[in-house]
Amino acid sequence: MNKPALAPHESIDLHEILNFKTLCLAKSKLMQGLVFDQELKDLMQKDVEQTLQALQDLQALYGQVPFQAPVPESRPEPIIQ
């Protein structure tokens, strides 16, 4: 029996959601260092934990994408000049 796969447009949407949630996670973790109110810090920590769980759930769905781009072994050098 075939495993259900996501349609191409659903795969792109999922990729965009993963990127967005990852950015939200980084921002929440960064902002925790700038906050002095403990109640707000606790709320931000709860957001971090929920976002991590959401990312794990989304990554499980990512296994159903019909196509995957290969990850190159060598990455291009950044241009610094």
Protein backbone atom coordinates (compact mmCIF):
# COMPACT_ATOMS: atom_id res chain seq x y z
CA MET A 1 0.00 0.00 0.00
CA ASN A 2 1.34 3.41 -0.94
CA LYS A 3 2.06 5.96 1.73
CA PRO A 4 0.04 9.17 1.16
CA ALA A 5 2.21 11.97 -0.13
CA LEU A 6 1.70 15.69 -0.02
CA ALA A 7 0.94 17.56 -3.21
CA PRO A 8 3.74 19.82 -4.49
CA HIS A 9 1.99 23.02 -3.38
CA GLU A 10 1.40 21.51 0.07
CA SER A 11 5.09 20.65 0.28
CA ILE A 12 6.03 24.25 -0.47
CA ASP A 13 3.53 25.51 2.11
CA LEU A 14 4.95 23.12 4.68
CA HIS A 15 8.47 24.34 3.92
CA GLU A 16 7.37 27.96 4.41
CA ILE A 17 5.68 27.11 7.71
CA LEU A 18 8.82 25.32 8.92
CA ASN A 19 10.93 28.36 8.05
CA PHE A 20 8.49 30.71 9.78
CA LYS A 21 8.28 28.61 12.95
CA THR A 22 12.07 28.30 13.07
CA LEU A 23 12.40 32.08 12.82
CA CYS A 24 9.80 32.54 15.58
CA LEU A 25 11.70 30.12 17.79
CA ALA A 26 14.98 31.96 17.29
CA LYS A 27 13.34 35.30 18.01
CA SER A 28 11.64 34.04 21.19
CA LYS A 29 14.89 32.57 22.50
CA LEU A 30 16.81 35.74 21.69
CA MET A 31 14.25 38.04 23.27
CA GLN A 32 14.25 36.06 26.53
CA GLY A 33 17.65 37.55 27.28
CA LEU A 34 16.27 41.08 26.95
CA VAL A 35 13.23 40.63 29.20
CA PHE A 36 13.39 41.32 32.93
CA ASP A 37 9.81 40.48 33.92
CA GLN A 38 9.74 36.88 35.15
CA GLU A 39 6.11 36.33 34.17
CA LEU A 40 6.87 37.40 30.61
CA LYS A 41 9.98 35.20 30.56
CA ASP A 42 7.89 32.22 31.65
CA LEU A 43 5.37 32.96 28.90
CA MET A 44 8.16 33.19 26.33
CA GLN A 45 9.65 29.91 27.58
CA LYS A 46 6.26 28.25 27.16
CA ASP A 47 6.16 29.62 23.60
CA VAL A 48 9.61 28.12 22.95
CA GLU A 49 8.51 24.71 24.22
CA GLN A 50 5.29 24.76 22.16
CA THR A 51 7.17 25.87 19.06
CA LEU A 52 9.70 23.04 19.48
CA GLN A 53 6.83 20.55 19.69
CA ALA A 54 5.17 22.09 16.61
CA LEU A 55 8.46 21.87 14.70
CA GLN A 56 8.81 18.20 15.58
CA ASP A 57 5.26 17.55 14.37
CA LEU A 58 5.88 19.46 11.14
CA GLN A 59 9.14 17.61 10.52
CA ALA A 60 7.26 14.33 10.80
CA LEU A 61 4.95 15.54 8.03
CA TYR A 62 7.96 16.56 5.97
CA GLY A 63 8.71 12.88 5.40
CA GLN A 64 5.62 12.70 3.20
CA VAL A 65 6.81 15.21 0.59
CA PRO A 66 6.88 13.68 -2.89
CA PHE A 67 10.22 15.22 -3.76
CA GLN A 68 13.33 16.12 -1.84
CA ALA A 69 16.27 18.13 -3.02
CA PRO A 70 19.64 16.52 -2.37
CA VAL A 71 21.85 18.33 0.10
CA PRO A 72 25.20 19.11 -1.51
CA GLU A 73 28.26 17.87 0.30
CA SER A 74 30.26 20.98 -0.45
CA ARG A 75 28.74 24.37 0.16
CA PRO A 76 29.70 27.50 -1.78
CA GLU A 77 32.20 29.86 -0.19
CA PRO A 78 30.70 33.17 0.96
CA ILE A 79 31.87 36.30 -0.84
CA ILE A 80 33.40 38.56 1.80
CA GLN A 81 34.81 41.31 -0.37
